[in-house]
C-alpha atoms as a PDB file:
ATOM      1  CA  MET A   1      55.159 104.674  50.103  1.00  0.00           C
ATOM      2  CA  PRO A   2      55.002 106.691  53.350  1.00  0.00           C
ATOM      3  CA  LYS A   3      51.860 107.149  55.392  1.00  0.00           C
ATOM      4  CA  VAL A   4      50.520 110.320  56.952  1.00  0.00           C
ATOM      5  CA  SER A   5      47.509 110.140  59.260  1.00  0.00           C
ATOM      6  CA  SER A   6      46.956 106.513  58.144  1.00  0.00           C
ATOM      7  CA  VAL A   7      46.704 107.573  54.499  1.00  0.00           C
ATOM      8  CA  VAL A   8      49.095 106.351  51.821  1.00  0.00           C
ATOM      9  CA  VAL A   9      50.613 109.439  50.243  1.00  0.00           C
ATOM     10  CA  PRO A  10      50.913 109.503  46.440  1.00  0.00           C
ATOM     11  CA  TYR A  11      53.781 111.516  45.037  1.00  0.00           C
ATOM     12  CA  ALA A  12      51.487 114.087  43.433  1.00  0.00           C
ATOM     13  CA  THR A  13      51.728 117.868  43.115  1.00  0.00           C
ATOM     14  CA  TYR A  14      48.869 120.293  42.556  1.00  0.00           C
ATOM     15  CA  LEU A  15      48.128 123.560  40.816  1.00  0.00           C
ATOM     16  CA  ARG A  16      44.936 125.043  42.278  1.00  0.00           C
ATOM     17  CA  VAL A  17      42.799 128.090  41.556  1.00  0.00           C
ATOM     18  CA  TYR A  18      40.736 129.657  44.332  1.00  0.00           C
ATOM     19  CA  GLU A  19      37.932 131.839  42.968  1.00  0.00           C
ATOM     20  CA  PRO A  20      36.038 134.495  44.963  1.00  0.00           C
ATOM     21  CA  LEU A  21      32.424 133.686  45.753  1.00  0.00           C
ATOM     22  CA  ALA A  22      31.321 136.432  43.344  1.00  0.00           C
ATOM     23  CA  ALA A  23      32.668 134.356  40.436  1.00  0.00           C
ATOM     24  CA  PHE A  24      30.021 131.660  40.907  1.00  0.00           C
ATOM     25  CA  PRO A  25      26.455 131.957  39.605  1.00  0.00           C
ATOM     26  CA  GLU A  26      23.494 131.125  41.779  1.00  0.00           C
ATOM     27  CA  PRO A  27      22.566 128.655  43.175  1.00  0.00           C
ATOM     28  CA  GLU A  28      26.208 127.473  43.296  1.00  0.00           C
ATOM     29  CA  ARG A  29      27.310 130.704  44.982  1.00  0.00           C
ATOM     30  CA  GLY A  30      24.844 130.104  47.794  1.00  0.00           C
ATOM     31  CA  HIS A  31      26.126 126.566  48.250  1.00  0.00           C
ATOM     32  CA  TRP A  32      29.743 127.707  48.550  1.00  0.00           C
ATOM     33  CA  THR A  33      28.798 130.599  50.848  1.00  0.00           C
ATOM     34  CA  ARG A  34      27.152 128.188  53.281  1.00  0.00           C
ATOM     35  CA  TYR A  35      29.940 125.663  52.801  1.00  0.00           C
ATOM     36  CA  ALA A  36      32.648 128.204  53.692  1.00  0.00           C
ATOM     37  CA  ARG A  37      30.964 128.788  57.070  1.00  0.00           C
ATOM     38  CA  ARG A  38      31.105 125.112  58.024  1.00  0.00           C
ATOM     39  CA  PRO A  39      33.556 124.324  60.839  1.00  0.00           C
ATOM     40  CA  ASP A  40      33.906 120.693  59.696  1.00  0.00           C
ATOM     41  CA  ARG A  41      35.193 121.246  56.149  1.00  0.00           C
ATOM     42  CA  PRO A  42      37.323 118.339  54.881  1.00  0.00           C
ATOM     43  CA  SER A  43      41.082 118.725  54.503  1.00  0.00           C
ATOM     44  CA  TYR A  44      43.616 117.871  51.810  1.00  0.00           C
ATOM     45  CA  GLN A  45      44.055 114.472  53.432  1.00  0.00           C
ATOM     46  CA  ASP A  46      40.299 113.865  53.384  1.00  0.00           C
ATOM     47  CA  GLU A  47      40.231 114.414  49.615  1.00  0.00           C
ATOM     48  CA  LEU A  48      43.057 111.926  49.203  1.00  0.00           C
ATOM     49  CA  ARG A  49      41.448 109.388  51.554  1.00  0.00           C
ATOM     50  CA  ARG A  50      38.183 109.410  49.606  1.00  0.00           C
ATOM     51  CA  ALA A  51      39.958 109.009  46.266  1.00  0.00           C
ATOM     52  CA  LEU A  52      42.004 106.040  47.490  1.00  0.00           C
ATOM     53  CA  ALA A  53      38.930 104.374  49.029  1.00  0.00           C
ATOM     54  CA  ASP A  54      37.373 104.086  45.557  1.00  0.00           C
ATOM     55  CA  LEU A  55      40.278 101.915  44.412  1.00  0.00           C
ATOM     56  CA  LEU A  56      39.606  99.212  47.020  1.00  0.00           C
ATOM     57  CA  PRO A  57      36.423  97.580  45.624  1.00  0.00           C
ATOM     58  CA  THR A  58      36.563  94.883  42.958  1.00  0.00           C
ATOM     59  CA  PRO A  59      36.356  96.065  40.262  1.00  0.00           C
ATOM     60  CA  PRO A  60      37.767  99.442  41.371  1.00  0.00           C
ATOM     61  CA  ILE A  61      35.827 102.676  40.873  1.00  0.00           C
ATOM     62  CA  PRO A  62      38.069 104.838  38.645  1.00  0.00           C
ATOM     63  CA  VAL A  63      35.688 107.823  38.663  1.00  0.00           C
ATOM     64  CA  PRO A  64      33.233 108.823  41.425  1.00  0.00           C
ATOM     65  CA  VAL A  65      29.602 108.141  40.590  1.00  0.00           C
ATOM     66  CA  GLN A  66      28.603 111.640  41.690  1.00  0.00           C
ATOM     67  CA  GLU A  67      30.474 114.935  41.527  1.00  0.00           C
ATOM     68  CA  SER A  68      31.970 116.164  44.783  1.00  0.00           C
ATOM     69  CA  ALA A  69      30.228 119.003  46.601  1.00  0.00           C
ATOM     70  CA  ASP A  70      33.404 119.831  48.551  1.00  0.00           C
ATOM     71  CA  ALA A  71      36.043 122.493  48.072  1.00  0.00           C
ATOM     72  CA  PHE A  72      39.142 124.004  49.642  1.00  0.00           C
ATOM     73  CA  VAL A  73      38.513 127.427  51.179  1.00  0.00           C
ATOM     74  CA  LEU A  74      40.795 130.425  51.717  1.00  0.00           C
ATOM     75  CA  GLU A  75      40.072 133.884  53.093  1.00  0.00           C
ATOM     76  CA  VAL A  76      42.480 136.592  51.961  1.00  0.00           C
ATOM     77  CA  ASP A  77      42.025 140.266  52.868  1.00  0.00           C
ATOM     78  CA  GLY A  78      38.438 139.560  53.848  1.00  0.00           C
ATOM     79  CA  VAL A  79      37.569 137.864  50.540  1.00  0.00           C
ATOM     80  CA  VAL A  80      36.431 134.233  50.719  1.00  0.00           C
ATOM     81  CA  CYS A  81      37.754 132.128  47.834  1.00  0.00           C
ATOM     82  CA  VAL A  82      36.943 128.506  47.068  1.00  0.00           C
ATOM     83  CA  CYS A  83      38.602 125.808  44.994  1.00  0.00           C
ATOM     84  CA  PRO A  84      36.011 123.116  44.134  1.00  0.00           C
ATOM     85  CA  TRP A  85      37.375 119.590  44.165  1.00  0.00           C
ATOM     86  CA  ARG A  86      35.478 118.405  41.066  1.00  0.00           C
ATOM     87  CA  THR A  87      36.867 114.918  41.660  1.00  0.00           C
ATOM     88  CA  ARG A  88      34.605 113.262  39.093  1.00  0.00           C
ATOM     89  CA  LEU A  89      35.753 115.530  36.262  1.00  0.00           C
ATOM     90  CA  ARG A  90      39.380 115.216  37.326  1.00  0.00           C
ATOM     91  CA  GLY A  91      39.009 111.433  37.503  1.00  0.00           C
ATOM     92  CA  TRP A  92      37.778 111.277  33.912  1.00  0.00           C
ATOM     93  CA  GLN A  93      40.620 113.482  32.713  1.00  0.00           C
ATOM     94  CA  ALA A  94      43.222 111.531  34.675  1.00  0.00           C
ATOM     95  CA  LEU A  95      41.952 108.287  33.173  1.00  0.00           C
ATOM     96  CA  GLN A  96      42.454 109.702  29.685  1.00  0.00           C
ATOM     97  CA  GLU A  97      45.998 110.786  30.539  1.00  0.00           C
ATOM     98  CA  LEU A  98      46.740 107.368  32.040  1.00  0.00           C
ATOM     99  CA  SER A  99      45.826 105.712  28.755  1.00  0.00           C
ATOM    100  CA  ASP A 100      48.505 107.791  27.041  1.00  0.00           C
ATOM    101  CA  GLU A 101      51.181 107.000  29.634  1.00  0.00           C
ATOM    102  CA  LEU A 102      50.848 103.258  30.260  1.00  0.00           C
ATOM    103  CA  PRO A 103      50.703 100.230  27.941  1.00  0.00           C
ATOM    104  CA  ASN A 104      47.376  98.415  27.703  1.00  0.00           C
ATOM    105  CA  THR A 105      48.705  95.345  29.502  1.00  0.00           C
ATOM    106  CA  VAL A 106      49.477  97.427  32.603  1.00  0.00           C
ATOM    107  CA  LEU A 107      46.202  99.326  32.352  1.00  0.00           C
ATOM    108  CA  ASP A 108      44.237  96.079  32.041  1.00  0.00           C
ATOM    109  CA  ALA A 109      45.823  94.816  35.255  1.00  0.00           C
ATOM    110  CA  MET A 110      44.901  98.031  37.060  1.00  0.00           C
ATOM    111  CA  LEU A 111      41.483  98.687  35.548  1.00  0.00           C
ATOM    112  CA  PRO A 112      39.586  96.118  33.452  1.00  0.00           C
ATOM    113  CA  PRO A 113      38.861  97.302  29.877  1.00  0.00           C
ATOM    114  CA  MET A 114      35.113  97.173  30.545  1.00  0.00           C
ATOM    115  CA  VAL A 115      35.501  99.592  33.474  1.00  0.00           C
ATOM    116  CA  ARG A 116      37.558 102.003  31.359  1.00  0.00           C
ATOM    117  CA  ARG A 117      35.126 101.853  28.434  1.00  0.00           C
ATOM    118  CA  GLN A 118      32.175 102.620  30.692  1.00  0.00           C
ATOM    119  CA  ALA A 119      34.013 105.570  32.247  1.00  0.00           C
ATOM    120  CA  THR A 120      34.877 106.918  28.784  1.00  0.00           C
ATOM    121  CA  MET A 121      31.272 106.648  27.636  1.00  0.00           C
ATOM    122  CA  ASP A 122      30.034 108.395  30.778  1.00  0.00           C
ATOM    123  CA  TYR A 123      32.520 111.222  30.225  1.00  0.00           C
ATOM    124  CA  GLU A 124      31.527 111.675  26.588  1.00  0.00           C
ATOM    125  CA  ARG A 125      27.841 111.919  27.525  1.00  0.00           C
ATOM    126  CA  TRP A 126      28.646 114.366  30.315  1.00  0.00           C
ATOM    127  CA  LEU A 127      30.707 116.591  27.993  1.00  0.00           C
ATOM    128  CA  VAL A 128      27.758 116.972  25.634  1.00  0.00           C
ATOM    129  CA  ARG A 129      25.840 118.607  28.484  1.00  0.00           C
ATOM    130  CA  ASN A 130      28.858 120.480  29.915  1.00  0.00           C
ATOM    131  CA  PRO A 131      31.063 121.539  26.972  1.00  0.00           C
ATOM    132  CA  ASP A 132      32.712 124.459  28.819  1.00  0.00           C
ATOM    133  CA  SER A 133      33.693 122.560  31.944  1.00  0.00           C
ATOM    134  CA  ARG A 134      37.175 122.876  33.433  1.00  0.00           C
ATOM    135  CA  PRO A 135      38.767 121.744  36.704  1.00  0.00           C
ATOM    136  CA  TRP A 136      39.989 124.115  39.404  1.00  0.00           C
ATOM    137  CA  ILE A 137      42.836 121.698  40.205  1.00  0.00           C
ATOM    138  CA  ARG A 138      45.588 120.277  38.017  1.00  0.00           C
ATOM    139  CA  THR A 139      47.676 117.331  39.177  1.00  0.00           C
ATOM    140  CA  ALA A 140      51.107 116.004  38.232  1.00  0.00           C
ATOM    141  CA  THR A 141      52.854 112.904  39.565  1.00  0.00           C
ATOM    142  CA  TRP A 142      56.526 112.621  40.501  1.00  0.00           C
ATOM    143  CA  GLN A 143      57.252 116.162  39.316  1.00  0.00           C
ATOM    144  CA  VAL A 144      56.309 119.800  39.314  1.00  0.00           C
ATOM    145  CA  PRO A 145      55.989 120.775  35.622  1.00  0.00           C
ATOM    146  CA  LEU A 146      58.488 123.556  34.894  1.00  0.00           C
ATOM    147  CA  ASN A 147      55.784 125.740  33.373  1.00  0.00           C
ATOM    148  CA  TRP A 148      54.017 125.843  36.755  1.00  0.00           C
ATOM    149  CA  PHE A 149      57.035 127.581  38.295  1.00  0.00           C
ATOM    150  CA  VAL A 150      56.649 130.427  35.804  1.00  0.00           C
ATOM    151  CA  LEU A 151      53.402 131.443  37.549  1.00  0.00           C
ATOM    152  CA  VAL A 152      55.026 132.138  40.919  1.00  0.00           C
ATOM    153  CA  SER A 153      58.038 133.881  42.407  1.00  0.00           C
ATOM    154  CA  ASP A 154      60.554 132.822  45.033  1.00  0.00           C
ATOM    155  CA  GLU A 155      59.232 135.530  47.376  1.00  0.00           C
ATOM    156  CA  GLU A 156      55.890 133.693  47.450  1.00  0.00           C
ATOM    157  CA  ARG A 157      57.494 130.431  48.552  1.00  0.00           C
ATOM    158  CA  ARG A 158      56.390 128.978  51.904  1.00  0.00           C
ATOM    159  CA  TYR A 159      58.248 126.042  53.419  1.00  0.00           C
ATOM    160  CA  ASP A 160      57.491 124.249  56.709  1.00  0.00           C
ATOM    161  CA  LYS A 161      59.637 121.337  57.870  1.00  0.00           C
ATOM    162  CA  GLY A 162      56.728 119.748  59.716  1.00  0.00           C
ATOM    163  CA  THR A 163      56.838 118.126  63.135  1.00  0.00           C
ATOM    164  CA  GLY A 164      55.784 114.707  64.407  1.00  0.00           C
ATOM    165  CA  GLU A 165      52.746 113.554  62.441  1.00  0.00           C
ATOM    166  CA  ILE A 166      52.482 116.894  60.632  1.00  0.00           C
ATOM    167  CA  PRO A 167      54.144 116.435  57.226  1.00  0.00           C
ATOM    168  CA  PRO A 168      56.433 119.016  55.632  1.00  0.00           C
ATOM    169  CA  MET A 169      54.873 121.570  53.301  1.00  0.00           C
ATOM    170  CA  LEU A 170      56.186 123.512  50.332  1.00  0.00           C
ATOM    171  CA  ARG A 171      53.848 125.762  48.369  1.00  0.00           C
ATOM    172  CA  TYR A 172      53.477 129.074  46.558  1.00  0.00           C
ATOM    173  CA  ARG A 173      50.424 131.360  46.330  1.00  0.00           C
ATOM    174  CA  THR A 174      50.063 134.311  43.999  1.00  0.00           C
ATOM    175  CA  PRO A 175      47.284 136.594  42.720  1.00  0.00           C
ATOM    176  CA  MET A 176      45.811 135.579  39.380  1.00  0.00           C
ATOM    177  CA  VAL A 177      46.812 138.867  37.735  1.00  0.00           C
ATOM    178  CA  GLN A 178      50.457 138.209  38.643  1.00  0.00           C
ATOM    179  CA  ALA A 179      50.336 134.644  37.348  1.00  0.00           C
ATOM    180  CA  ARG A 180      48.871 135.756  34.002  1.00  0.00           C
ATOM    181  CA  ARG A 181      51.406 138.564  33.681  1.00  0.00           C
ATOM    182  CA  ARG A 182      54.305 136.191  34.287  1.00  0.00           C
ATOM    183  CA  VAL A 183      52.997 133.740  31.708  1.00  0.00           C
ATOM    184  CA  ALA A 184      52.681 136.478  29.086  1.00  0.00           C
ATOM    185  CA  ARG A 185      56.204 137.812  29.742  1.00  0.00           C
ATOM    186  CA  ALA A 186      57.769 134.360  29.737  1.00  0.00           C
ATOM    187  CA  LEU A 187      56.056 133.412  26.488  1.00  0.00           C
ATOM    188  CA  ARG A 188      57.370 136.539  24.749  1.00  0.00           C
ATOM    189  CA  THR A 189      60.898 135.783  25.898  1.00  0.00           C
ATOM    190  CA  LEU A 190      60.822 132.085  25.091  1.00  0.00           C
ATOM    191  CA  LYS A 191      59.304 132.547  21.631  1.00  0.00           C
ATOM    192  CA  ASP A 192      61.988 135.115  20.792  1.00  0.00           C
ATOM    193  CA  ALA A 193      64.750 132.839  22.068  1.00  0.00           C
ATOM    194  CA  ILE A 194      63.818 129.262  21.181  1.00  0.00           C
ATOM    195  CA  ASP A 195      60.725 129.424  18.908  1.00  0.00           C
ATOM    196  CA  GLU A 196      59.117 126.191  20.140  1.00  0.00           C
ATOM    197  CA  GLY A 197      59.427 123.415  22.684  1.00  0.00           C
ATOM    198  CA  PRO A 198      57.626 121.648  25.549  1.00  0.00           C
ATOM    199  CA  LEU A 199      58.031 124.593  27.943  1.00  0.00           C
ATOM    200  CA  ILE A 200      56.302 126.924  25.488  1.00  0.00           C
ATOM    201  CA  ASP A 201      53.554 124.388  24.781  1.00  0.00           C
ATOM    202  CA  GLY A 202      52.987 123.885  28.503  1.00  0.00           C
ATOM    203  CA  LEU A 203      52.863 127.628  29.160  1.00  0.00           C
ATOM    204  CA  VAL A 204      50.349 128.197  26.375  1.00  0.00           C
ATOM    205  CA  ASP A 205      48.165 125.452  27.813  1.00  0.00           C
ATOM    206  CA  VAL A 206      48.306 126.657  31.412  1.00  0.00           C
ATOM    207  CA  GLY A 207      47.831 130.270  30.286  1.00  0.00           C
ATOM    208  CA  ARG A 208      44.615 129.370  28.488  1.00  0.00           C
ATOM    209  CA  TRP A 209      43.436 127.528  31.588  1.00  0.00           C
ATOM    210  CA  LEU A 210      44.070 130.556  33.824  1.00  0.00           C
ATOM    211  CA  GLU A 211      42.030 132.776  31.510  1.00  0.00           C
ATOM    212  CA  GLU A 212      38.939 130.750  32.435  1.00  0.00           C
ATOM    213  CA  PHE A 213      38.909 132.111  35.989  1.00  0.00           C
ATOM    214  CA  HIS A 214      37.966 135.321  37.781  1.00  0.00           C
ATOM    215  CA  PRO A 215      40.774 137.935  37.748  1.00  0.00           C
ATOM    216  CA  ARG A 216      40.663 138.212  41.562  1.00  0.00           C
ATOM    217  CA  SER A 217      41.382 134.516  42.005  1.00  0.00           C
ATOM    218  CA  LEU A 218      44.429 133.085  43.751  1.00  0.00           C
ATOM    219  CA  VAL A 219      46.776 130.516  42.210  1.00  0.00           C
ATOM    220  CA  GLU A 220      48.442 127.929  44.446  1.00  0.00           C
ATOM    221  CA  LEU A 221      51.310 125.609  43.553  1.00  0.00           C
ATOM    222  CA  ASP A 222      51.522 122.848  46.165  1.00  0.00           C
ATOM    223  CA  TYR A 223      54.242 120.166  46.297  1.00  0.00           C
ATOM    224  CA  GLY A 224      51.661 117.905  47.948  1.00  0.00           C
ATOM    225  CA  GLY A 225      52.887 114.351  48.533  1.00  0.00           C
ATOM    226  CA  LEU A 226      56.077 114.939  46.566  1.00  0.00           C
ATOM    227  CA  VAL A 227      57.637 116.346  49.750  1.00  0.00           C
ATOM    228  CA  HIS A 228      57.968 112.722  50.909  1.00  0.00           C
ATOM    229  CA  ALA A 229      60.075 111.797  47.872  1.00  0.00           C
ATOM    230  CA  VAL A 230      62.677 114.507  48.466  1.00  0.00           C
ATOM    231  CA  PRO A 231      65.158 114.537  51.388  1.00  0.00           C
ATOM    232  CA  ALA A 232      64.430 117.322  53.869  1.00  0.00           C
ATOM    233  CA  GLY A 233      67.678 119.149  53.129  1.00  0.00           C
ATOM    234  CA  ASP A 234      67.077 119.089  49.385  1.00  0.00           C
ATOM    235  CA  LEU A 235      63.502 120.263  49.906  1.00  0.00           C
ATOM    236  CA  GLU A 236      64.603 123.180  52.058  1.00  0.00           C
ATOM    237  CA  ASP A 237      67.121 124.214  49.392  1.00  0.00           C
ATOM    238  CA  ASP A 238      64.635 123.813  46.525  1.00  0.00           C
ATOM    239  CA  HIS A 239      64.177 127.219  44.888  1.00  0.00           C
ATOM    240  CA  SER A 240      63.035 126.002  41.486  1.00  0.00           C
ATOM    241  CA  ALA A 241      60.826 129.029  40.874  1.00  0.00           C
ATOM    242  CA  ALA A 242      63.859 131.280  41.301  1.00  0.00           C
ATOM    243  CA  ASP A 243      65.900 129.139  38.898  1.00  0.00           C
ATOM    244  CA  VAL A 244      63.137 129.207  36.260  1.00  0.00           C
ATOM    245  CA  ALA A 245      62.818 132.985  36.617  1.00  0.00           C
ATOM    246  CA  ALA A 246      66.606 133.411  36.394  1.00  0.00           C
ATOM    247  CA  GLY A 247      66.784 131.258  33.278  1.00  0.00           C
ATOM    248  CA  ILE A 248      64.022 133.178  31.505  1.00  0.00           C
ATOM    249  CA  GLU A 249      65.549 136.526  32.446  1.00  0.00           C
ATOM    250  CA  ALA A 250      68.931 135.354  31.165  1.00  0.00           C
ATOM    251  CA  LEU A 251      67.331 134.418  27.850  1.00  0.00           C
ATOM    252  CA  ARG A 252      65.720 137.846  27.674  1.00  0.00           C
ATOM    253  CA  GLN A 253      69.143 139.419  28.199  1.00  0.00           C
ATOM    254  CA  GLY A 254      70.732 137.147  25.612  1.00  0.00           C
ATOM    255  CA  ASP A 255      72.970 135.513  28.242  1.00  0.00           C
ATOM    256  CA  GLY A 256      73.070 131.896  27.108  1.00  0.00           C
ATOM    257  CA  ALA A 257      75.632 130.871  29.742  1.00  0.00           C
ATOM    258  CA  ALA A 258      73.494 132.093  32.657  1.00  0.00           C
ATOM    259  CA  ALA A 259      70.380 130.496  31.143  1.00  0.00           C
ATOM    260  CA  GLY A 260      72.253 127.207  30.785  1.00  0.00           C
ATOM    261  CA  ALA A 261      73.456 127.368  34.391  1.00  0.00           C
ATOM    262  CA  ALA A 262      69.913 127.906  35.676  1.00  0.00           C
ATOM    263  CA  TYR A 263      68.620 125.047  33.544  1.00  0.00           C
ATOM    264  CA  GLY A 264      71.443 122.822  34.773  1.00  0.00           C
ATOM    265  CA  ARG A 265      70.418 123.427  38.399  1.00  0.00           C
ATOM    266  CA  LEU A 266      66.848 122.448  37.580  1.00  0.00           C
ATOM    267  CA  VAL A 267      67.883 119.317  35.700  1.00  0.00           C
ATOM    268  CA  GLU A 268      70.153 118.168  38.507  1.00  0.00           C
ATOM    269  CA  ARG A 269      67.516 118.782  41.182  1.00  0.00           C
ATOM    270  CA  TRP A 270      64.688 117.003  39.390  1.00  0.00           C
ATOM    271  CA  ARG A 271      66.833 114.170  38.049  1.00  0.00           C
ATOM    272  CA  ALA A 272      67.067 112.852  41.609  1.00  0.00           C
ATOM    273  CA  VAL A 273      63.270 112.738  41.846  1.00  0.00           C
ATOM    274  CA  ARG A 274      62.957 110.990  38.479  1.00  0.00           C
ATOM    275  CA  ASP A 275      65.539 108.433  39.584  1.00  0.00           C
ATOM    276  CA  ARG A 276      63.388 107.611  42.638  1.00  0.00           C
ATOM    277  CA  ARG A 277      60.386 107.154  40.375  1.00  0.00           C
ATOM    278  CA  SER A 278      62.303 104.660  38.233  1.00  0.00           C
ATOM    279  CA  ALA A 279      63.505 102.809  41.315  1.00  0.00           C
ATOM    280  CA  ASN A 280      59.926 102.646  42.610  1.00  0.00           C
END
């Protein structure tokens, strides 16, 4: 795997929500207000570095002992918005997902059963006290889920090739109201056209998640470390959000051929990434 700033880069992508300070109750609002003024706030790479450091001890630490007090900060049109890391909560949820993806023999080699059982028990106790908890960040490995592209438009795409030690960057940012509107429209079209399927299920799930946040929030889709798994030319030509939008619009118009062509472009583009995952 490649290294950036001495940090091994996982091929992970992120869907983040940045909420305005007004969305947080006190005393949390005060904490984030003071935090946003700090000149030494950690970066995306700092979050990654801390997470990877926990995997070095024996046995590894699958979930941080304490919840992170850090966040990503944006200021848009004079409004300060924060995206709390919540690494402990995300670690618990990722551990659950890992159990569904890998056989026990592989999991046992990575994380001893005793470590996983303790983490599960800790999470269950925590949920009793925090039943309405949700993360501000969703993560996917070796892919960008197609339902994420529904939230954004090609006009919101930002691509930077990077220079020297600065890695390339590909991301989208959109207002929450736009993301919710796009989800609602896409769901109407898809349910009329295909009734059910993984894209619909994924959209319903992400739509419910978005409803948990302040309406003046910002939604960010970030290719993260996946930019290192895609050749620069392919990355520059990647307009998956446009292809998803074109496919949904074609379905709405009843144009099956155009919808199939858009889907074919997506399949071909992301097949190359999946092939690299299998080779890895």
